[in-house]
């Protein structure tokens, strides 16, 4: 029977978490529990890029008969967007260790560092993080359907708003069909939580009852694996650790699809000896508009890119306003040469 997920919750993860009899136990980790934990940083609007990463995940045999199921990780993150009001990133994956029924040594499987979100600009307000490990019953349709959803997830990514937007609804509906069917999927462990204000940190989420999760005795190694004591009942429950991280620089800025394309178009125009400064200025104006309204850059970074692009255009034409003013052989260079965080003004 198909469940009315759309009427009950915004996502299949939130629905599945709510439908369970017990809430997951969540603990924010301290430096005493995980050595790399630093003082929490509160993210500032239009200054920081935010990332959410699934640092580790462990499943156990005692909870689910995994020999009949595929392990499926579904994530969903929502935060404010400068253009549309809200940006959403979804992914569905079946890592190799969880692919196919009867995963080997299911009680020892530990996955590491799966991207959930970002880096994307933080625009203020609430950020919702949803992460779920589902056991999907093996069937003739399960594997090809998972393959399709994973292909869409890879195309959408979790870093660029414009790339992810077209896949939000297809992935949402696909996840509902795959994971929201009675007797065909089970949530092993999951979280649906809003953060406001948004602060950096590491979080443990487990299916274990809260009285078993003694914060004073929790310890993790450098791979974010929970260290169990002898006969520790906590070892009978699945868990995952995720992080909220922040940076003031975006390392992958040169991969922003629409800005790279606009720059490449301008560069191609300047390779044409017949291109006038007016035509080049039109292409630059288009790039400028995209950059200043980009949902993938904080304001200061957008201003810097626009200034560098303009400087290179001026070098190409000098003071001339027509073809005759063009500096022969000048190339504004590939997009990545703009050097957002160390702007070399132009190439020859």
Protein backbone atom coordinates (compact mmCIF):
# COMPACT_ATOMS: atom_id res chain seq x y z
CA UNK A 1 0.00 0.00 0.00
CA UNK A 2 1.30 3.43 -0.93
CA UNK A 3 1.70 5.76 2.03
CA UNK A 4 0.64 9.40 1.88
CA UNK A 5 4.08 10.80 2.56
CA UNK A 6 3.38 14.11 0.88
CA UNK A 7 0.49 14.73 3.22
CA UNK A 8 2.42 13.79 6.35
CA UNK A 9 5.90 15.26 5.93
CA UNK A 10 8.05 17.19 3.51
CA UNK A 11 10.39 14.24 2.87
CA UNK A 12 10.45 10.48 3.15
CA UNK A 13 13.23 10.74 5.75
CA UNK A 14 11.22 13.05 8.00
CA UNK A 15 8.20 10.79 7.56
CA UNK A 16 10.17 7.63 8.36
CA UNK A 17 11.77 9.17 11.45
CA UNK A 18 8.38 10.36 12.70
CA UNK A 19 6.67 7.03 12.05
CA UNK A 20 9.05 5.19 14.34
CA UNK A 21 8.02 4.52 17.91
CA UNK A 22 11.18 6.10 19.33
CA UNK A 23 13.18 9.19 18.49
CA UNK A 24 16.87 8.78 17.59
CA UNK A 25 19.37 9.71 20.26
CA UNK A 26 21.52 12.68 19.23
CA UNK A 27 24.67 13.86 20.98
CA UNK A 28 26.89 16.79 20.08
CA UNK A 29 30.48 15.60 20.48
CA UNK A 30 33.04 17.34 22.64
CA UNK A 31 36.83 17.46 22.50
CA UNK A 32 36.92 14.86 25.26
CA UNK A 33 35.03 12.43 23.02
CA UNK A 34 36.66 13.34 19.67
CA UNK A 35 40.08 14.97 19.67
CA UNK A 36 39.61 17.13 16.55
CA UNK A 37 36.55 18.94 17.90
CA UNK A 38 37.20 22.70 18.07
CA UNK A 39 35.30 25.58 19.61
CA UNK A 40 31.94 25.91 17.79
CA UNK A 41 31.74 28.67 15.19
CA UNK A 42 28.42 30.36 14.49
CA UNK A 43 28.02 30.83 10.76
CA UNK A 44 27.51 34.38 9.49
CA UNK A 45 25.14 35.27 6.69
CA UNK A 46 26.80 35.74 3.28
CA UNK A 47 30.24 35.24 4.78
CA UNK A 48 30.59 31.49 5.25
CA UNK A 49 30.22 28.48 3.02
CA UNK A 50 28.58 25.59 4.86
CA UNK A 51 29.26 21.88 4.44
CA UNK A 52 27.58 18.85 5.95
CA UNK A 53 29.35 15.50 5.71
CA UNK A 54 28.50 12.01 6.88
CA UNK A 55 31.77 11.12 8.59
CA UNK A 56 31.01 7.51 9.51
CA UNK A 57 28.13 5.04 9.57
CA UNK A 58 27.88 1.61 11.16
CA UNK A 59 25.19 -1.02 10.72
CA UNK A 60 24.55 -4.14 12.76
CA UNK A 61 23.10 -7.54 11.88
CA UNK A 62 21.00 -7.81 15.00
CA UNK A 63 18.47 -5.21 13.91
CA UNK A 64 17.74 -6.15 10.28
CA UNK A 65 18.14 -9.33 8.22
CA UNK A 66 20.45 -7.62 5.72
CA UNK A 67 20.76 -10.69 3.53
CA UNK A 68 17.42 -9.73 1.97
CA UNK A 69 18.06 -6.01 1.66
CA UNK A 70 20.07 -3.33 -0.09
CA UNK A 71 21.61 -0.67 2.15
CA UNK A 72 20.56 2.75 0.88
CA UNK A 73 21.72 6.13 2.22
CA UNK A 74 19.30 8.96 1.54
CA UNK A 75 20.14 12.57 2.46
CA UNK A 76 18.26 15.82 2.16
CA UNK A 77 19.45 19.31 3.14
CA UNK A 78 17.50 22.56 2.90
CA UNK A 79 18.66 26.12 3.51
CA UNK A 80 17.95 29.70 2.45
CA UNK A 81 18.74 30.73 -1.13
CA UNK A 82 19.35 34.27 -2.41
CA UNK A 83 17.24 33.87 -5.56
CA UNK A 84 14.43 31.41 -4.91
CA UNK A 85 14.15 31.67 -1.14
CA UNK A 86 15.05 28.04 -0.50
CA UNK A 87 17.64 25.63 -1.90
CA UNK A 88 17.36 21.89 -1.52
CA UNK A 89 19.92 19.15 -2.10
CA UNK A 90 19.04 15.46 -2.16
CA UNK A 91 21.07 12.34 -2.75
CA UNK A 92 20.50 8.60 -2.83
CA UNK A 93 23.43 6.24 -2.81
CA UNK A 94 24.31 2.62 -2.23
CA UNK A 95 28.03 2.50 -1.42
CA UNK A 96 29.83 -0.60 -2.60
CA UNK A 97 29.89 -2.14 0.86
CA UNK A 98 26.10 -1.93 1.03
CA UNK A 99 25.34 -2.75 -2.60
CA UNK A 100 23.21 -5.83 -3.15
CA UNK A 101 21.60 -8.16 -0.67
CA UNK A 102 23.71 -10.07 1.86
CA UNK A 103 26.48 -7.49 2.36
CA UNK A 104 29.59 -9.13 3.73
CA UNK A 105 30.21 -8.72 7.43
CA UNK A 106 27.24 -6.39 7.86
CA UNK A 107 27.88 -6.08 11.57
CA UNK A 108 31.25 -4.47 10.88
CA UNK A 109 30.45 -2.20 7.96
CA UNK A 110 31.69 1.33 8.48
CA UNK A 111 31.35 3.97 5.79
CA UNK A 112 33.31 7.20 5.80
CA UNK A 113 33.02 10.79 4.55
CA UNK A 114 29.90 10.94 2.38
CA UNK A 115 28.98 14.51 1.26
CA UNK A 116 25.50 15.63 2.29
CA UNK A 117 25.68 19.34 1.49
CA UNK A 118 28.09 21.89 0.15
CA UNK A 119 30.07 23.83 0.14
CA UNK A 120 27.24 26.32 -0.44
CA UNK A 121 26.79 29.92 0.75
CA UNK A 122 25.02 30.32 4.06
CA UNK A 123 22.30 32.96 3.63
CA UNK A 124 21.13 32.98 7.24
CA UNK A 125 18.13 31.41 8.94
CA UNK A 126 17.34 27.76 9.48
CA UNK A 127 19.16 24.82 7.90
CA UNK A 128 17.49 21.41 7.87
CA UNK A 129 19.59 18.25 7.75
CA UNK A 130 18.03 14.85 7.07
CA UNK A 131 20.06 11.64 6.86
CA UNK A 132 18.63 8.13 6.72
CA UNK A 133 20.05 4.63 6.33
CA UNK A 134 17.33 2.50 4.78
CA UNK A 135 17.18 -1.22 4.20
CA UNK A 136 15.42 -1.74 0.86
CA UNK A 137 14.00 -5.19 0.20
CA UNK A 138 15.65 -6.99 -2.70
CA UNK A 139 13.47 -7.39 -5.78
CA UNK A 140 13.68 -7.42 -9.58
CA UNK A 141 12.89 -3.69 -9.62
CA UNK A 142 14.93 -2.50 -6.66
CA UNK A 143 18.39 -2.63 -8.24
CA UNK A 144 17.60 -0.83 -11.55
CA UNK A 145 15.50 1.76 -9.71
CA UNK A 146 18.36 2.43 -7.31
CA UNK A 147 20.73 2.78 -10.27
CA UNK A 148 18.50 5.41 -11.88
CA UNK A 149 18.18 7.40 -8.65
CA UNK A 150 21.93 7.24 -8.02
CA UNK A 151 22.61 8.48 -11.56
CA UNK A 152 20.30 11.44 -10.97
CA UNK A 153 21.94 12.10 -7.59
CA UNK A 154 25.38 12.20 -9.19
CA UNK A 155 24.19 14.64 -11.84
CA UNK A 156 22.52 16.87 -9.26
CA UNK A 157 25.39 16.92 -6.77
CA UNK A 158 25.20 18.62 -3.39
CA UNK A 159 27.28 21.76 -4.05
CA UNK A 160 25.75 23.88 -6.82
CA UNK A 161 22.22 25.25 -6.44
CA UNK A 162 21.61 25.68 -10.17
CA UNK A 163 22.76 22.13 -10.93
CA UNK A 164 20.69 20.55 -8.17
CA UNK A 165 17.42 22.45 -8.72
CA UNK A 166 16.09 20.43 -11.72
CA UNK A 167 16.51 17.16 -9.81
CA UNK A 168 14.79 18.10 -6.55
CA UNK A 169 11.30 16.89 -7.46
CA UNK A 170 12.34 13.78 -9.46
CA UNK A 171 14.58 12.62 -6.61
CA UNK A 172 11.90 13.39 -4.03
CA UNK A 173 9.29 11.35 -5.90
CA UNK A 174 11.77 8.57 -6.61
CA UNK A 175 12.75 8.35 -2.95
CA UNK A 176 9.09 8.19 -1.95
CA UNK A 177 8.43 5.35 -4.36
CA UNK A 178 11.51 3.40 -3.33
CA UNK A 179 11.58 4.04 0.41
CA UNK A 180 7.99 4.82 1.31
CA UNK A 181 6.42 1.44 0.66
CA UNK A 182 5.07 -0.66 3.51
CA UNK A 183 6.98 -3.89 4.10
CA UNK A 184 9.51 -3.02 1.38
CA UNK A 185 11.90 -0.72 3.24
CA UNK A 186 13.00 -0.12 6.82
CA UNK A 187 14.73 2.87 8.37
CA UNK A 188 17.72 1.51 10.28
CA UNK A 189 18.72 4.87 11.72
CA UNK A 190 17.85 8.41 10.72
CA UNK A 191 17.71 12.08 11.63
CA UNK A 192 15.52 15.01 10.53
CA UNK A 193 16.56 18.16 12.38
CA UNK A 194 16.61 21.92 11.90
CA UNK A 195 19.57 24.05 13.01
CA UNK A 196 19.18 27.73 13.89
CA UNK A 197 21.57 29.30 14.52
CA UNK A 198 23.88 27.10 12.47
CA UNK A 199 27.09 26.19 14.29
CA UNK A 200 30.02 23.99 13.36
CA UNK A 201 30.35 20.69 15.17
CA UNK A 202 30.20 16.90 15.10
CA UNK A 203 27.10 14.92 16.01
CA UNK A 204 26.41 11.30 16.92
CA UNK A 205 23.03 9.86 15.88
CA UNK A 206 22.12 6.39 17.09
CA UNK A 207 19.10 4.15 17.33
CA UNK A 208 20.07 3.27 20.89
CA UNK A 209 17.89 4.51 23.75
CA UNK A 210 19.26 7.63 25.39
CA UNK A 211 20.05 5.94 28.71
CA UNK A 212 22.67 3.79 26.95
CA UNK A 213 24.44 6.80 25.45
CA UNK A 214 26.54 8.06 28.35
CA UNK A 215 28.24 11.20 27.12
CA UNK A 216 31.04 10.94 29.67
CA UNK A 217 32.15 7.53 28.38
CA UNK A 218 31.79 8.06 24.61
CA UNK A 219 35.08 7.91 22.72
CA UNK A 220 35.83 8.03 18.99
CA UNK A 221 39.01 7.32 17.04
CA UNK A 222 40.45 9.43 14.22
CA UNK A 223 38.14 7.66 11.72
CA UNK A 224 35.05 8.66 13.72
CA UNK A 225 34.49 5.10 14.88
CA UNK A 226 32.83 4.69 18.24
CA UNK A 227 35.02 2.77 20.66
CA UNK A 228 32.96 0.16 22.50
CA UNK A 229 33.74 -1.21 25.92
CA UNK A 230 33.51 -4.93 26.67
CA UNK A 231 29.89 -6.17 26.57
CA UNK A 232 28.77 -2.67 25.63
CA UNK A 233 25.05 -2.78 24.76
CA UNK A 234 25.55 0.29 22.59
CA UNK A 235 27.30 -1.97 20.05
CA UNK A 236 23.94 -3.57 19.27
CA UNK A 237 22.63 -0.41 17.61
CA UNK A 238 23.46 1.32 14.31
CA UNK A 239 24.86 4.84 14.41
CA UNK A 240 26.33 7.56 12.26
CA UNK A 241 28.42 10.66 12.84
CA UNK A 242 27.98 13.79 10.75
CA UNK A 243 29.67 17.17 10.75
CA UNK A 244 28.67 20.76 10.08
CA UNK A 245 31.68 22.66 8.75
CA UNK A 246 32.31 26.23 7.59
CA UNK A 247 34.85 28.01 5.38
CA UNK A 248 35.21 31.58 4.14
CA UNK A 249 36.68 30.34 0.84
CA UNK A 250 35.11 28.05 -1.70
CA UNK A 251 37.76 25.67 -3.03
CA UNK A 252 35.65 24.49 -5.98
CA UNK A 253 34.57 27.95 -7.19
CA UNK A 254 36.05 27.34 -10.66
CA UNK A 255 33.55 24.50 -11.18
CA UNK A 256 30.43 26.67 -10.88
CA UNK A 257 28.73 25.62 -14.14
CA UNK A 258 26.97 28.78 -15.36
CA UNK A 259 29.83 31.14 -14.49
CA UNK A 260 32.40 28.92 -16.19
CA UNK A 261 30.20 28.76 -19.29
CA UNK A 262 29.71 32.55 -19.39
CA UNK A 263 33.44 33.16 -19.02
CA UNK A 264 34.26 30.63 -21.75
CA UNK A 265 31.80 32.39 -24.08
CA UNK A 266 33.49 35.74 -23.46
CA UNK A 267 36.91 34.20 -24.00
CA UNK A 268 35.79 32.66 -27.30
CA UNK A 269 34.48 36.05 -28.46
CA UNK A 270 37.83 37.65 -27.74
CA UNK A 271 39.57 35.00 -29.84
CA UNK A 272 37.55 36.24 -32.82
CA UNK A 273 39.41 39.20 -34.40
CA UNK A 274 36.10 40.68 -35.59
CA UNK A 275 34.62 41.01 -32.10
CA UNK A 276 34.09 44.65 -31.15
CA UNK A 277 34.41 46.01 -27.64
CA UNK A 278 30.64 46.56 -27.60
CA UNK A 279 30.02 42.87 -28.29
CA UNK A 280 32.56 41.87 -25.65
CA UNK A 281 30.99 44.32 -23.19
CA UNK A 282 27.61 42.65 -23.73
CA UNK A 283 29.08 39.23 -22.89
CA UNK A 284 30.84 40.69 -19.85
CA UNK A 285 27.58 42.26 -18.62
CA UNK A 286 25.95 38.84 -18.83
CA UNK A 287 28.79 37.31 -16.79
CA UNK A 288 28.55 40.14 -14.26
CA UNK A 289 24.81 39.65 -13.81
CA UNK A 290 25.25 35.90 -13.30
CA UNK A 291 28.06 36.38 -10.79
CA UNK A 292 26.38 39.07 -8.69
CA UNK A 293 23.17 37.05 -8.44
CA UNK A 294 24.84 33.65 -8.16
CA UNK A 295 23.37 31.37 -5.48
CA UNK A 296 26.74 29.61 -5.37
CA UNK A 297 28.94 32.52 -4.21
CA UNK A 298 28.97 34.81 -1.19
CA UNK A 299 28.78 38.50 -2.08
CA UNK A 300 32.46 39.37 -1.57
CA UNK A 301 33.61 36.52 -3.81
CA UNK A 302 31.16 37.52 -6.54
CA UNK A 303 32.45 41.12 -6.44
CA UNK A 304 36.05 39.92 -6.71
CA UNK A 305 35.34 37.72 -9.74
CA UNK A 306 33.49 40.52 -11.51
CA UNK A 307 36.33 42.98 -10.88
CA UNK A 308 38.93 40.55 -12.23
CA UNK A 309 36.87 39.73 -15.31
CA UNK A 310 36.44 43.43 -16.00
CA UNK A 311 40.18 44.08 -15.53
CA UNK A 312 41.01 41.44 -18.11
CA UNK A 313 38.48 42.79 -20.56
CA UNK A 314 39.99 46.27 -20.22
CA UNK A 315 43.45 44.83 -20.84
CA UNK A 316 42.18 43.14 -23.98
CA UNK A 317 40.90 46.40 -25.48
CA UNK A 318 42.94 49.03 -23.70
CA UNK A 319 41.38 52.44 -24.33
CA UNK A 320 40.05 51.45 -27.74
CA UNK A 321 36.31 51.17 -28.37
CA UNK A 322 36.52 49.15 -31.59
CA UNK A 323 38.38 46.28 -33.16
CA UNK A 324 41.40 48.48 -33.79
CA UNK A 325 41.81 48.93 -30.06
CA UNK A 326 42.28 45.23 -29.44
CA UNK A 327 45.61 44.04 -28.12
CA UNK A 328 46.73 41.33 -30.50
CA UNK A 329 47.35 37.93 -28.97
CA UNK A 330 45.82 38.80 -25.59
CA UNK A 331 43.98 35.92 -23.90
CA UNK A 332 41.89 36.40 -20.76
CA UNK A 333 42.70 32.80 -19.83
CA UNK A 334 40.55 29.92 -18.61
CA UNK A 335 38.03 30.51 -15.84
CA UNK A 336 40.21 29.04 -13.10
CA UNK A 337 43.00 31.49 -13.96
CA UNK A 338 40.90 34.32 -12.53
CA UNK A 339 42.38 33.22 -9.22
CA UNK A 340 39.50 34.22 -6.96
CA UNK A 341 41.59 34.25 -3.80
CA UNK A 342 44.86 35.49 -5.36
CA UNK A 343 43.78 37.53 -8.36
CA UNK A 344 46.51 37.71 -11.01
CA UNK A 345 45.10 40.43 -13.23
CA UNK A 346 45.27 38.90 -16.63
CA UNK A 347 47.40 36.63 -18.78
CA UNK A 348 49.31 37.21 -21.95
